[in-house]
Amino acid sequence: MLLFLGRTLIAPLISFHNTGKAIANGQRAAGLQVTCSPAASTWPAFAFGINVWYMQRELNRVTQAYPGATPGAQVPLAV
């Protein structure tokens, strides 16, 4: 069943949407203004796959909120 869904259009769109929500939650947890939209993470997939670039750009904003943090280090989250 999973192989069948992977060949359709629906499964990747759901994945892009959920990834956009996860990035937005990460921005919120980092105390940043939420600029990542799940819809904006989904629909640009139809335009030459630029949604991957969009999601990476938004995720980079989260990592830039913690300058000097080493990989694996615990960082404080804004609550």
Protein backbone atom coordinates (compact mmCIF):
# COMPACT_ATOMS: atom_id res chain seq x y z
CA MET A 1 0.00 0.00 0.00
CA LEU A 2 2.81 2.42 0.86
CA LEU A 3 4.51 1.83 -2.49
CA PHE A 4 1.26 2.61 -4.27
CA LEU A 5 0.79 5.87 -2.36
CA GLY A 6 4.37 6.92 -3.04
CA ARG A 7 3.69 6.84 -6.76
CA THR A 8 0.68 9.08 -6.52
CA LEU A 9 0.52 12.79 -6.09
CA ILE A 10 -1.25 12.74 -2.75
CA ALA A 11 1.45 11.26 -0.49
CA PRO A 12 4.20 13.77 -1.39
CA LEU A 13 1.79 16.69 -0.99
CA ILE A 14 0.80 15.48 2.48
CA SER A 15 4.48 15.13 3.35
CA PHE A 16 5.28 18.66 2.15
CA HIS A 17 2.33 20.05 4.12
CA ASN A 18 3.36 18.24 7.32
CA THR A 19 6.97 19.35 6.89
CA GLY A 20 5.79 22.95 6.57
CA LYS A 21 3.85 22.60 9.83
CA ALA A 22 6.92 21.12 11.57
CA ILE A 23 9.11 24.01 10.38
CA ALA A 24 6.48 26.53 11.57
CA ASN A 25 6.42 24.82 14.97
CA GLY A 26 10.22 24.99 15.08
CA GLN A 27 10.11 28.71 14.34
CA ARG A 28 7.54 29.18 17.07
CA ALA A 29 9.66 27.18 19.57
CA ALA A 30 12.72 29.27 18.71
CA GLY A 31 10.78 32.45 19.53
CA LEU A 32 10.76 33.63 15.92
CA GLN A 33 7.90 35.08 13.95
CA VAL A 34 6.29 32.19 12.07
CA THR A 35 6.95 32.77 8.38
CA CYS A 36 6.67 29.20 7.09
CA SER A 37 3.27 28.30 5.73
CA PRO A 38 2.25 24.67 5.16
CA ALA A 39 0.37 25.74 2.03
CA ALA A 40 3.42 27.59 0.73
CA SER A 41 5.43 24.43 1.39
CA THR A 42 3.04 22.38 -0.74
CA TRP A 43 1.96 24.28 -3.83
CA PRO A 44 5.36 25.42 -5.17
CA ALA A 45 6.10 21.73 -5.80
CA PHE A 46 4.23 22.19 -9.06
CA ALA A 47 6.61 24.98 -10.13
CA PHE A 48 9.86 23.13 -10.76
CA GLY A 49 10.16 21.87 -7.18
CA ILE A 50 11.00 25.23 -5.60
CA ASN A 51 9.18 24.17 -2.45
CA VAL A 52 12.33 22.36 -1.25
CA TRP A 53 14.29 25.61 -1.55
CA TYR A 54 11.52 27.46 0.33
CA MET A 55 11.42 24.93 3.18
CA GLN A 56 15.23 24.90 3.52
CA ARG A 57 15.30 28.71 3.63
CA GLU A 58 12.67 28.75 6.38
CA LEU A 59 14.45 26.02 8.35
CA ASN A 60 17.73 27.95 8.12
CA ARG A 61 16.05 30.82 9.97
CA VAL A 62 15.56 28.53 12.95
CA THR A 63 19.20 27.45 13.02
CA GLN A 64 20.37 31.05 12.63
CA ALA A 65 18.44 31.94 15.80
CA TYR A 66 21.06 29.98 17.77
CA PRO A 67 24.47 31.29 16.67
CA GLY A 68 27.40 29.37 18.10
CA ALA A 69 25.34 26.34 19.08
CA THR A 70 27.22 23.12 18.44
CA PRO A 71 25.51 20.05 16.97
CA GLY A 72 23.78 18.08 19.71
CA ALA A 73 23.84 20.96 22.21
CA GLN A 74 20.65 21.73 24.10
CA VAL A 75 19.29 25.18 23.37
CA PRO A 76 16.63 27.10 25.30
CA LEU A 77 13.23 27.23 23.66
CA ALA A 78 10.89 30.19 23.89
CA VAL A 79 7.68 29.09 25.54
